[in-house]
Amino acid sequence: MNSPRFAPAGLLLRYGQRRVAFDGGPGADPPRRVDAWLVTDERAELRSALRRTAADRGVELRAGSAVLGSVRVSLCPVVHTSHPTYGYRIAVGDRMVVWAPEFWEFPAWAAGTDLMFAEAAAWERPIRFRGGVGGHASVAEVGEQAVCNRVRRVVYAHIGRSCIRAMDAGLEPEVGEWGSEGRTYTLRPSVPFPDSGRAS
């Protein structure tokens, strides 16, 4: 939201003929046909625009779980702000993807995932909300926690201003990689966890 460079963070899951959209917004809208459109924050600033676009596609915008054939999408709580906010575990067989673009505390339920789309609003220091009601974890902290929680691959979404400055300075996260608009991420066959203790 309000990024000077990027459209709102969103993900489109494609599995066979099934499609599920996660978050997004103006400039990051899903295709016309989706089976479900799920959000991490039902009170987000973009909710009105998202609801209008979802209605145009004939789907309900909601925070919730879904089962689409062999794909199981589970709504999971995250610590982020003063009202309920969520992330998603997307499971197909024994493979798991996590969509968690905003959180203050690394979600324990993301442990052992194959691919995690994670918070990146802050670079080195977390952003604390006024009144101590949550905030945004930093990329440095997310990477460290991803290693501790044996996350195989981290892709940073919801890229904030301090991370944009880091990108412009040619800096890369110690763990993981910057997300890229329009990029396709494919789950590869299962591989062992890295021996070095670093997720990639």
C-alpha atoms as a PDB file:
ATOM      1  CA  MET A   1       0.000   0.000   0.000  1.00  0.00           C
ATOM      2  CA  ASN A   2       1.262   3.471  -0.919  1.00  0.00           C
ATOM      3  CA  SER A   3       4.535   2.158  -2.327  1.00  0.00           C
ATOM      4  CA  PRO A   4       6.309   4.758  -4.468  1.00  0.00           C
ATOM      5  CA  ARG A   5       7.394   1.985  -6.846  1.00  0.00           C
ATOM      6  CA  PHE A   6       5.339  -1.192  -6.605  1.00  0.00           C
ATOM      7  CA  ALA A   7       1.717  -2.236  -6.982  1.00  0.00           C
ATOM      8  CA  PRO A   8       0.106  -3.678  -3.819  1.00  0.00           C
ATOM      9  CA  ALA A   9       1.473  -7.098  -2.871  1.00  0.00           C
ATOM     10  CA  GLY A  10      -0.565  -9.934  -4.314  1.00  0.00           C
ATOM     11  CA  LEU A  11      -0.269 -13.560  -5.296  1.00  0.00           C
ATOM     12  CA  LEU A  12      -2.098 -15.657  -7.868  1.00  0.00           C
ATOM     13  CA  LEU A  13      -2.046 -19.388  -7.179  1.00  0.00           C
ATOM     14  CA  ARG A  14      -2.466 -21.554 -10.281  1.00  0.00           C
ATOM     15  CA  TYR A  15      -2.877 -25.302  -9.948  1.00  0.00           C
ATOM     16  CA  GLY A  16      -4.265 -27.055 -12.982  1.00  0.00           C
ATOM     17  CA  GLN A  17      -7.411 -25.144 -13.943  1.00  0.00           C
ATOM     18  CA  ARG A  18      -7.860 -23.670 -10.438  1.00  0.00           C
ATOM     19  CA  ARG A  19      -6.900 -20.082  -9.565  1.00  0.00           C
ATOM     20  CA  VAL A  20      -6.923 -18.352  -6.202  1.00  0.00           C
ATOM     21  CA  ALA A  21      -6.006 -14.686  -5.736  1.00  0.00           C
ATOM     22  CA  PHE A  22      -4.452 -13.400  -2.515  1.00  0.00           C
ATOM     23  CA  ASP A  23      -4.585  -9.672  -1.670  1.00  0.00           C
ATOM     24  CA  GLY A  24      -3.374  -7.429  -4.524  1.00  0.00           C
ATOM     25  CA  GLY A  25      -5.125  -4.227  -5.526  1.00  0.00           C
ATOM     26  CA  PRO A  26      -5.040  -1.551  -8.219  1.00  0.00           C
ATOM     27  CA  GLY A  27      -2.281  -2.496 -10.642  1.00  0.00           C
ATOM     28  CA  ALA A  28      -2.114  -6.007  -9.195  1.00  0.00           C
ATOM     29  CA  ASP A  29      -5.573  -7.354 -10.028  1.00  0.00           C
ATOM     30  CA  PRO A  30      -6.037 -11.053 -10.827  1.00  0.00           C
ATOM     31  CA  PRO A  31      -7.378 -12.330 -14.158  1.00  0.00           C
ATOM     32  CA  ARG A  32     -11.124 -12.262 -14.851  1.00  0.00           C
ATOM     33  CA  ARG A  33     -11.689 -15.852 -13.742  1.00  0.00           C
ATOM     34  CA  VAL A  34     -10.676 -16.863 -10.227  1.00  0.00           C
ATOM     35  CA  ASP A  35     -12.170 -19.530  -7.977  1.00  0.00           C
ATOM     36  CA  ALA A  36     -11.581 -17.496  -4.803  1.00  0.00           C
ATOM     37  CA  TRP A  37     -10.090 -14.166  -3.710  1.00  0.00           C
ATOM     38  CA  LEU A  38      -8.649 -14.225  -0.211  1.00  0.00           C
ATOM     39  CA  VAL A  39      -7.255 -11.360   1.853  1.00  0.00           C
ATOM     40  CA  THR A  40      -4.981 -11.123   4.859  1.00  0.00           C
ATOM     41  CA  ASP A  41      -6.708  -8.063   6.345  1.00  0.00           C
ATOM     42  CA  GLU A  42     -10.433  -7.462   5.911  1.00  0.00           C
ATOM     43  CA  ARG A  43      -9.964  -3.886   7.193  1.00  0.00           C
ATOM     44  CA  ALA A  44      -7.090  -2.975   4.864  1.00  0.00           C
ATOM     45  CA  GLU A  45      -6.992   0.465   3.245  1.00  0.00           C
ATOM     46  CA  LEU A  46      -7.670  -1.066  -0.171  1.00  0.00           C
ATOM     47  CA  ARG A  47     -10.763  -3.049   0.889  1.00  0.00           C
ATOM     48  CA  SER A  48     -13.285  -0.918  -1.056  1.00  0.00           C
ATOM     49  CA  ALA A  49     -11.335  -1.108  -4.327  1.00  0.00           C
ATOM     50  CA  LEU A  50     -10.713  -4.827  -3.827  1.00  0.00           C
ATOM     51  CA  ARG A  51     -14.400  -5.542  -3.130  1.00  0.00           C
ATOM     52  CA  ARG A  52     -15.477  -3.715  -6.297  1.00  0.00           C
ATOM     53  CA  THR A  53     -12.980  -5.624  -8.436  1.00  0.00           C
ATOM     54  CA  ALA A  54     -13.924  -8.953  -6.818  1.00  0.00           C
ATOM     55  CA  ALA A  55     -17.622  -8.242  -7.432  1.00  0.00           C
ATOM     56  CA  ASP A  56     -16.828  -7.548 -11.113  1.00  0.00           C
ATOM     57  CA  ARG A  57     -15.305 -11.048 -11.232  1.00  0.00           C
ATOM     58  CA  GLY A  58     -18.242 -12.660  -9.445  1.00  0.00           C
ATOM     59  CA  VAL A  59     -16.300 -13.714  -6.358  1.00  0.00           C
ATOM     60  CA  GLU A  60     -16.522 -12.749  -2.711  1.00  0.00           C
ATOM     61  CA  LEU A  61     -13.529 -11.035  -1.168  1.00  0.00           C
ATOM     62  CA  ARG A  62     -12.898 -12.672   2.193  1.00  0.00           C
ATOM     63  CA  ALA A  63     -10.467 -13.970   4.780  1.00  0.00           C
ATOM     64  CA  GLY A  64     -11.033 -17.700   4.990  1.00  0.00           C
ATOM     65  CA  SER A  65      -9.939 -21.190   4.103  1.00  0.00           C
ATOM     66  CA  ALA A  66     -10.650 -23.019   0.848  1.00  0.00           C
ATOM     67  CA  VAL A  67     -10.377 -26.500  -0.630  1.00  0.00           C
ATOM     68  CA  LEU A  68      -9.935 -26.640  -4.388  1.00  0.00           C
ATOM     69  CA  GLY A  69      -9.491 -30.239  -5.423  1.00  0.00           C
ATOM     70  CA  SER A  70      -6.188 -31.391  -3.940  1.00  0.00           C
ATOM     71  CA  VAL A  71      -5.199 -27.835  -2.928  1.00  0.00           C
ATOM     72  CA  ARG A  72      -5.916 -26.924   0.702  1.00  0.00           C
ATOM     73  CA  VAL A  73      -5.704 -23.250   1.636  1.00  0.00           C
ATOM     74  CA  SER A  74      -5.722 -22.651   5.395  1.00  0.00           C
ATOM     75  CA  LEU A  75      -6.316 -19.289   7.059  1.00  0.00           C
ATOM     76  CA  CYS A  76      -3.801 -18.774   9.887  1.00  0.00           C
ATOM     77  CA  PRO A  77      -3.574 -15.838  12.329  1.00  0.00           C
ATOM     78  CA  VAL A  78      -0.575 -13.494  12.417  1.00  0.00           C
ATOM     79  CA  VAL A  79       0.471 -10.896  14.965  1.00  0.00           C
ATOM     80  CA  HIS A  80       0.388  -7.632  13.027  1.00  0.00           C
ATOM     81  CA  THR A  81      -2.020  -4.981  14.333  1.00  0.00           C
ATOM     82  CA  SER A  82      -4.889  -4.376  16.782  1.00  0.00           C
ATOM     83  CA  HIS A  83      -7.509  -6.229  14.715  1.00  0.00           C
ATOM     84  CA  PRO A  84      -7.431  -9.781  13.324  1.00  0.00           C
ATOM     85  CA  THR A  85      -4.997 -10.301  10.443  1.00  0.00           C
ATOM     86  CA  TYR A  86      -3.915 -13.483   8.746  1.00  0.00           C
ATOM     87  CA  GLY A  87      -1.596 -15.377   6.468  1.00  0.00           C
ATOM     88  CA  TYR A  88      -2.222 -18.516   4.458  1.00  0.00           C
ATOM     89  CA  ARG A  89      -0.786 -22.021   4.285  1.00  0.00           C
ATOM     90  CA  ILE A  90      -1.256 -23.495   0.819  1.00  0.00           C
ATOM     91  CA  ALA A  91      -0.783 -27.267   0.823  1.00  0.00           C
ATOM     92  CA  VAL A  92      -0.673 -29.673  -2.110  1.00  0.00           C
ATOM     93  CA  GLY A  93       0.263 -33.164  -0.977  1.00  0.00           C
ATOM     94  CA  ASP A  94       3.359 -32.794   1.194  1.00  0.00           C
ATOM     95  CA  ARG A  95       4.375 -29.455  -0.361  1.00  0.00           C
ATOM     96  CA  MET A  96       3.560 -26.163   1.346  1.00  0.00           C
ATOM     97  CA  VAL A  97       3.617 -22.479   0.378  1.00  0.00           C
ATOM     98  CA  VAL A  98       3.006 -19.622   2.811  1.00  0.00           C
ATOM     99  CA  TRP A  99       1.565 -16.207   1.926  1.00  0.00           C
ATOM    100  CA  ALA A 100       2.308 -13.870   4.857  1.00  0.00           C
ATOM    101  CA  PRO A 101       3.070 -10.385   3.505  1.00  0.00           C
ATOM    102  CA  GLU A 102       2.510  -8.556   6.810  1.00  0.00           C
ATOM    103  CA  PHE A 103       3.401  -9.521  10.370  1.00  0.00           C
ATOM    104  CA  TRP A 104       5.120  -8.272  13.514  1.00  0.00           C
ATOM    105  CA  GLU A 105       6.101 -11.718  14.813  1.00  0.00           C
ATOM    106  CA  PHE A 106       7.275 -14.535  12.540  1.00  0.00           C
ATOM    107  CA  PRO A 107       4.363 -17.020  12.351  1.00  0.00           C
ATOM    108  CA  ALA A 108       5.258 -20.367  13.945  1.00  0.00           C
ATOM    109  CA  TRP A 109       2.845 -22.131  11.563  1.00  0.00           C
ATOM    110  CA  ALA A 110       5.181 -21.231   8.646  1.00  0.00           C
ATOM    111  CA  ALA A 111       7.899 -23.581   9.934  1.00  0.00           C
ATOM    112  CA  GLY A 112       9.173 -26.138   7.453  1.00  0.00           C
ATOM    113  CA  THR A 113       7.529 -24.574   4.422  1.00  0.00           C
ATOM    114  CA  ASP A 114       8.915 -25.010   0.907  1.00  0.00           C
ATOM    115  CA  LEU A 115       8.254 -21.426  -0.233  1.00  0.00           C
ATOM    116  CA  MET A 116       7.303 -18.403   1.861  1.00  0.00           C
ATOM    117  CA  PHE A 117       6.181 -15.021   0.564  1.00  0.00           C
ATOM    118  CA  ALA A 118       7.073 -12.831   3.527  1.00  0.00           C
ATOM    119  CA  GLU A 119       6.911  -9.388   5.078  1.00  0.00           C
ATOM    120  CA  ALA A 120       9.354  -6.790   3.718  1.00  0.00           C
ATOM    121  CA  ALA A 121       8.052  -3.395   4.834  1.00  0.00           C
ATOM    122  CA  ALA A 122      11.239  -2.741   6.852  1.00  0.00           C
ATOM    123  CA  TRP A 123      14.902  -3.413   6.076  1.00  0.00           C
ATOM    124  CA  GLU A 124      17.084  -3.569   9.224  1.00  0.00           C
ATOM    125  CA  ARG A 125      14.819  -2.220  11.966  1.00  0.00           C
ATOM    126  CA  PRO A 126      11.208  -3.281  12.525  1.00  0.00           C
ATOM    127  CA  ILE A 127       8.403  -0.727  12.245  1.00  0.00           C
ATOM    128  CA  ARG A 128       6.432  -0.489  15.499  1.00  0.00           C
ATOM    129  CA  PHE A 129       2.872   0.868  15.325  1.00  0.00           C
ATOM    130  CA  ARG A 130       1.828   3.698  17.609  1.00  0.00           C
ATOM    131  CA  GLY A 131       0.398   2.442  20.883  1.00  0.00           C
ATOM    132  CA  GLY A 132       2.410  -0.795  20.743  1.00  0.00           C
ATOM    133  CA  VAL A 133      -0.274  -2.691  18.816  1.00  0.00           C
ATOM    134  CA  GLY A 134       2.045  -4.516  16.414  1.00  0.00           C
ATOM    135  CA  GLY A 135       3.895  -3.448  13.315  1.00  0.00           C
ATOM    136  CA  HIS A 136       6.130  -4.849  10.578  1.00  0.00           C
ATOM    137  CA  ALA A 137       9.083  -7.187  11.114  1.00  0.00           C
ATOM    138  CA  SER A 138      12.314  -6.291   9.319  1.00  0.00           C
ATOM    139  CA  VAL A 139      13.800  -8.286   6.442  1.00  0.00           C
ATOM    140  CA  ALA A 140      16.838  -8.975   8.649  1.00  0.00           C
ATOM    141  CA  GLU A 141      14.622 -10.503  11.354  1.00  0.00           C
ATOM    142  CA  VAL A 142      12.415 -12.400   8.892  1.00  0.00           C
ATOM    143  CA  GLY A 143      15.474 -13.984   7.272  1.00  0.00           C
ATOM    144  CA  GLU A 144      16.938 -15.003  10.624  1.00  0.00           C
ATOM    145  CA  GLN A 145      13.624 -16.514  11.737  1.00  0.00           C
ATOM    146  CA  ALA A 146      13.180 -18.281   8.384  1.00  0.00           C
ATOM    147  CA  VAL A 147      16.486 -20.084   8.939  1.00  0.00           C
ATOM    148  CA  CYS A 148      15.528 -21.004  12.515  1.00  0.00           C
ATOM    149  CA  ASN A 149      12.162 -22.308  11.260  1.00  0.00           C
ATOM    150  CA  ARG A 150      13.673 -24.290   8.347  1.00  0.00           C
ATOM    151  CA  VAL A 151      11.956 -22.387   5.540  1.00  0.00           C
ATOM    152  CA  ARG A 152      13.449 -23.611   2.255  1.00  0.00           C
ATOM    153  CA  ARG A 153      12.920 -20.472   0.139  1.00  0.00           C
ATOM    154  CA  VAL A 154      11.934 -16.923   1.134  1.00  0.00           C
ATOM    155  CA  VAL A 155      10.574 -14.354  -1.320  1.00  0.00           C
ATOM    156  CA  TYR A 156       9.995 -10.869   0.106  1.00  0.00           C
ATOM    157  CA  ALA A 157       6.676  -9.200  -0.754  1.00  0.00           C
ATOM    158  CA  HIS A 158       5.036  -5.973   0.497  1.00  0.00           C
ATOM    159  CA  ILE A 159       8.318  -4.151  -0.107  1.00  0.00           C
ATOM    160  CA  GLY A 160       8.474  -0.927   1.918  1.00  0.00           C
ATOM    161  CA  ARG A 161      10.419   2.309   1.505  1.00  0.00           C
ATOM    162  CA  SER A 162      13.464   1.312   3.571  1.00  0.00           C
ATOM    163  CA  CYS A 163      13.765  -1.874   1.491  1.00  0.00           C
ATOM    164  CA  ILE A 164      13.455   0.131  -1.722  1.00  0.00           C
ATOM    165  CA  ARG A 165      16.353   2.303  -0.506  1.00  0.00           C
ATOM    166  CA  ALA A 166      18.344  -0.872   0.217  1.00  0.00           C
ATOM    167  CA  MET A 167      17.564  -2.185  -3.288  1.00  0.00           C
ATOM    168  CA  ASP A 168      18.651   1.113  -4.839  1.00  0.00           C
ATOM    169  CA  ALA A 169      21.924   0.833  -2.913  1.00  0.00           C
ATOM    170  CA  GLY A 170      22.467  -2.621  -4.429  1.00  0.00           C
ATOM    171  CA  LEU A 171      21.860  -4.473  -1.161  1.00  0.00           C
ATOM    172  CA  GLU A 172      20.411  -7.976  -1.081  1.00  0.00           C
ATOM    173  CA  PRO A 173      18.838  -9.811   1.840  1.00  0.00           C
ATOM    174  CA  GLU A 174      21.217 -12.191   3.616  1.00  0.00           C
ATOM    175  CA  VAL A 175      18.485 -14.817   3.392  1.00  0.00           C
ATOM    176  CA  GLY A 176      15.985 -15.056   0.535  1.00  0.00           C
ATOM    177  CA  GLU A 177      15.279 -12.820  -2.440  1.00  0.00           C
ATOM    178  CA  TRP A 178      13.235  -9.799  -3.454  1.00  0.00           C
ATOM    179  CA  GLY A 179       9.866 -10.568  -5.002  1.00  0.00           C
ATOM    180  CA  SER A 180       9.417  -9.500  -8.602  1.00  0.00           C
ATOM    181  CA  GLU A 181       6.154  -8.246 -10.109  1.00  0.00           C
ATOM    182  CA  GLY A 182       4.713 -10.656 -12.639  1.00  0.00           C
ATOM    183  CA  ARG A 183       7.203 -13.418 -11.869  1.00  0.00           C
ATOM    184  CA  THR A 184       6.107 -17.057 -11.780  1.00  0.00           C
ATOM    185  CA  TYR A 185       7.351 -19.091  -8.823  1.00  0.00           C
ATOM    186  CA  THR A 186       7.165 -22.865  -9.305  1.00  0.00           C
ATOM    187  CA  LEU A 187       7.501 -25.471  -6.587  1.00  0.00           C
ATOM    188  CA  ARG A 188      10.351 -27.803  -7.447  1.00  0.00           C
ATOM    189  CA  PRO A 189      10.600 -31.431  -6.323  1.00  0.00           C
ATOM    190  CA  SER A 190      11.279 -31.718  -2.616  1.00  0.00           C
ATOM    191  CA  VAL A 191      14.916 -31.142  -1.638  1.00  0.00           C
ATOM    192  CA  PRO A 192      16.683 -31.509   1.729  1.00  0.00           C
ATOM    193  CA  PHE A 193      16.959 -28.459   3.956  1.00  0.00           C
ATOM    194  CA  PRO A 194      20.189 -26.489   3.453  1.00  0.00           C
ATOM    195  CA  ASP A 195      23.059 -27.802   5.608  1.00  0.00           C
ATOM    196  CA  SER A 196      24.564 -24.344   5.985  1.00  0.00           C
ATOM    197  CA  GLY A 197      21.680 -23.100   8.095  1.00  0.00           C
ATOM    198  CA  ARG A 198      20.744 -20.533   5.452  1.00  0.00           C
ATOM    199  CA  ALA A 199      17.454 -20.496   3.580  1.00  0.00           C
ATOM    200  CA  SER A 200      17.628 -19.420  -0.044  1.00  0.00           C
END
